[in-house]
């Protein structure tokens, strides 16, 4: 699955995933080591870690958080680019969602 994530400079942003199988919330308890990274492009060496809240994974809910500092105009590293979120199952990574970010500069400073 893929998703576009709209970011506004200096504001926090949360992306919530609610995964279901046949209309029923997916139990993701077997998955561990959830990670999300953002890059300017998939080939970029420099990555920014995005916080993953997996506290409700048993009911199929995963949340990704980008902080105001990560999107700030002055020194925030996150801009328009790409990201994905992965977790491990049986020592194998599995990508659950990937997408792009669209960053907009704020007006009020």
C-alpha atoms as a PDB file:
ATOM      1  CA  UNK A   1       0.000   0.000   0.000  1.00  0.00           C
ATOM      2  CA  UNK A   2       1.109   3.568  -0.551  1.00  0.00           C
ATOM      3  CA  UNK A   3       0.048   6.948   0.782  1.00  0.00           C
ATOM      4  CA  UNK A   4       0.851  10.617   0.315  1.00  0.00           C
ATOM      5  CA  UNK A   5       1.592  12.465   3.567  1.00  0.00           C
ATOM      6  CA  UNK A   6       0.969  16.231   3.585  1.00  0.00           C
ATOM      7  CA  UNK A   7       3.337  18.172   5.883  1.00  0.00           C
ATOM      8  CA  UNK A   8       3.178  21.832   6.883  1.00  0.00           C
ATOM      9  CA  UNK A   9       6.423  23.441   8.041  1.00  0.00           C
ATOM     10  CA  UNK A  10       6.860  23.532  11.813  1.00  0.00           C
ATOM     11  CA  UNK A  11       3.695  21.567  12.581  1.00  0.00           C
ATOM     12  CA  UNK A  12       3.525  18.068  14.032  1.00  0.00           C
ATOM     13  CA  UNK A  13       1.938  15.411  11.856  1.00  0.00           C
ATOM     14  CA  UNK A  14       0.457  11.978  12.575  1.00  0.00           C
ATOM     15  CA  UNK A  15      -0.361   9.298  10.035  1.00  0.00           C
ATOM     16  CA  UNK A  16      -2.596   6.510  11.375  1.00  0.00           C
ATOM     17  CA  UNK A  17      -2.887   3.094   9.761  1.00  0.00           C
ATOM     18  CA  UNK A  18      -5.831   0.827  10.566  1.00  0.00           C
ATOM     19  CA  UNK A  19      -5.097  -2.514   8.934  1.00  0.00           C
ATOM     20  CA  UNK A  20      -7.897  -5.015   8.357  1.00  0.00           C
ATOM     21  CA  UNK A  21      -8.245  -8.484   6.868  1.00  0.00           C
ATOM     22  CA  UNK A  22     -11.674  -9.235   5.399  1.00  0.00           C
ATOM     23  CA  UNK A  23     -13.079  -6.242   7.297  1.00  0.00           C
ATOM     24  CA  UNK A  24     -11.721  -7.383  10.661  1.00  0.00           C
ATOM     25  CA  UNK A  25      -8.886  -5.497  12.426  1.00  0.00           C
ATOM     26  CA  UNK A  26      -5.614  -7.335  11.761  1.00  0.00           C
ATOM     27  CA  UNK A  27      -3.759  -8.641  14.806  1.00  0.00           C
ATOM     28  CA  UNK A  28      -0.157  -7.514  14.240  1.00  0.00           C
ATOM     29  CA  UNK A  29       1.145  -8.790  17.590  1.00  0.00           C
ATOM     30  CA  UNK A  30       3.550 -11.211  15.899  1.00  0.00           C
ATOM     31  CA  UNK A  31       5.428  -8.312  14.287  1.00  0.00           C
ATOM     32  CA  UNK A  32       8.244  -6.569  16.138  1.00  0.00           C
ATOM     33  CA  UNK A  33      10.880  -3.884  15.665  1.00  0.00           C
ATOM     34  CA  UNK A  34       8.621  -1.406  13.836  1.00  0.00           C
ATOM     35  CA  UNK A  35      10.624   1.250  11.966  1.00  0.00           C
ATOM     36  CA  UNK A  36       9.823   4.163   9.716  1.00  0.00           C
ATOM     37  CA  UNK A  37      12.332   6.264   7.775  1.00  0.00           C
ATOM     38  CA  UNK A  38      12.097   9.283   5.504  1.00  0.00           C
ATOM     39  CA  UNK A  39      14.580  10.172   2.731  1.00  0.00           C
ATOM     40  CA  UNK A  40      14.719  12.739  -0.055  1.00  0.00           C
ATOM     41  CA  UNK A  41      14.687   9.792  -2.484  1.00  0.00           C
ATOM     42  CA  UNK A  42      14.872   6.018  -2.132  1.00  0.00           C
ATOM     43  CA  UNK A  43      18.529   6.120  -3.194  1.00  0.00           C
ATOM     44  CA  UNK A  44      19.526   8.799  -0.658  1.00  0.00           C
ATOM     45  CA  UNK A  45      22.076   7.708   1.944  1.00  0.00           C
ATOM     46  CA  UNK A  46      20.777  10.097   4.631  1.00  0.00           C
ATOM     47  CA  UNK A  47      17.675   8.900   6.496  1.00  0.00           C
ATOM     48  CA  UNK A  48      15.506  10.501   9.167  1.00  0.00           C
ATOM     49  CA  UNK A  49      13.879   8.167  11.699  1.00  0.00           C
ATOM     50  CA  UNK A  50      10.143   8.689  12.202  1.00  0.00           C
ATOM     51  CA  UNK A  51       8.601   7.646  15.537  1.00  0.00           C
ATOM     52  CA  UNK A  52       6.338   4.570  15.305  1.00  0.00           C
ATOM     53  CA  UNK A  53       3.667   3.940  17.947  1.00  0.00           C
ATOM     54  CA  UNK A  54       2.761   0.245  17.811  1.00  0.00           C
ATOM     55  CA  UNK A  55       0.995   0.143  21.194  1.00  0.00           C
ATOM     56  CA  UNK A  56      -2.303  -0.856  19.508  1.00  0.00           C
ATOM     57  CA  UNK A  57      -0.862  -3.320  16.994  1.00  0.00           C
ATOM     58  CA  UNK A  58      -3.048  -6.136  18.362  1.00  0.00           C
ATOM     59  CA  UNK A  59      -6.036  -4.256  16.914  1.00  0.00           C
ATOM     60  CA  UNK A  60      -4.291  -3.349  13.643  1.00  0.00           C
ATOM     61  CA  UNK A  61      -3.480   0.262  14.530  1.00  0.00           C
ATOM     62  CA  UNK A  62      -0.055   1.792  13.880  1.00  0.00           C
ATOM     63  CA  UNK A  63       0.695   5.528  14.129  1.00  0.00           C
ATOM     64  CA  UNK A  64       3.622   7.446  12.653  1.00  0.00           C
ATOM     65  CA  UNK A  65       4.698  10.785  14.159  1.00  0.00           C
ATOM     66  CA  UNK A  66       6.723  13.589  12.599  1.00  0.00           C
ATOM     67  CA  UNK A  67       7.709  16.326  15.055  1.00  0.00           C
ATOM     68  CA  UNK A  68       7.594  20.104  14.490  1.00  0.00           C
ATOM     69  CA  UNK A  69      11.399  20.136  14.686  1.00  0.00           C
ATOM     70  CA  UNK A  70      11.631  17.647  11.824  1.00  0.00           C
ATOM     71  CA  UNK A  71       9.556  19.871   9.503  1.00  0.00           C
ATOM     72  CA  UNK A  72      10.733  23.339  10.617  1.00  0.00           C
ATOM     73  CA  UNK A  73      11.751  25.897   7.995  1.00  0.00           C
ATOM     74  CA  UNK A  74      15.060  26.769   9.666  1.00  0.00           C
ATOM     75  CA  UNK A  75      16.676  23.393  10.303  1.00  0.00           C
ATOM     76  CA  UNK A  76      14.125  20.609   9.856  1.00  0.00           C
ATOM     77  CA  UNK A  77      15.432  17.782   7.670  1.00  0.00           C
ATOM     78  CA  UNK A  78      12.035  16.439   6.491  1.00  0.00           C
ATOM     79  CA  UNK A  79      10.776  17.977   3.254  1.00  0.00           C
ATOM     80  CA  UNK A  80       9.253  16.555   0.087  1.00  0.00           C
ATOM     81  CA  UNK A  81      10.512  12.982  -0.253  1.00  0.00           C
ATOM     82  CA  UNK A  82       9.719   9.313   0.362  1.00  0.00           C
ATOM     83  CA  UNK A  83       9.115   7.096   3.391  1.00  0.00           C
ATOM     84  CA  UNK A  84       8.139   3.585   4.394  1.00  0.00           C
ATOM     85  CA  UNK A  85       7.253   1.655   7.540  1.00  0.00           C
ATOM     86  CA  UNK A  86       8.477  -1.883   8.185  1.00  0.00           C
ATOM     87  CA  UNK A  87       8.312  -4.522  10.890  1.00  0.00           C
ATOM     88  CA  UNK A  88      10.028  -7.844  11.445  1.00  0.00           C
ATOM     89  CA  UNK A  89       8.426 -11.298  11.390  1.00  0.00           C
ATOM     90  CA  UNK A  90      10.619 -14.396  11.725  1.00  0.00           C
ATOM     91  CA  UNK A  91      13.751 -12.274  11.154  1.00  0.00           C
ATOM     92  CA  UNK A  92      12.384 -11.013   7.836  1.00  0.00           C
ATOM     93  CA  UNK A  93      11.426  -7.367   7.215  1.00  0.00           C
ATOM     94  CA  UNK A  94       7.957  -6.672   5.881  1.00  0.00           C
ATOM     95  CA  UNK A  95       6.955  -3.289   4.427  1.00  0.00           C
ATOM     96  CA  UNK A  96       3.418  -2.345   5.446  1.00  0.00           C
ATOM     97  CA  UNK A  97       3.079   1.092   3.889  1.00  0.00           C
ATOM     98  CA  UNK A  98       5.186   3.398   1.771  1.00  0.00           C
ATOM     99  CA  UNK A  99       4.607   6.772   0.249  1.00  0.00           C
ATOM    100  CA  UNK A 100       5.663  10.289  -0.458  1.00  0.00           C
ATOM    101  CA  UNK A 101       5.695  13.456   1.611  1.00  0.00           C
ATOM    102  CA  UNK A 102       4.617  16.826   0.288  1.00  0.00           C
ATOM    103  CA  UNK A 103       6.117  19.651   2.368  1.00  0.00           C
ATOM    104  CA  UNK A 104       4.630  23.149   2.345  1.00  0.00           C
ATOM    105  CA  UNK A 105       6.448  26.161   3.783  1.00  0.00           C
ATOM    106  CA  UNK A 106       4.460  27.973   6.473  1.00  0.00           C
ATOM    107  CA  UNK A 107       3.314  31.570   6.092  1.00  0.00           C
ATOM    108  CA  UNK A 108       3.350  32.810   9.686  1.00  0.00           C
ATOM    109  CA  UNK A 109       6.838  32.894  11.203  1.00  0.00           C
END
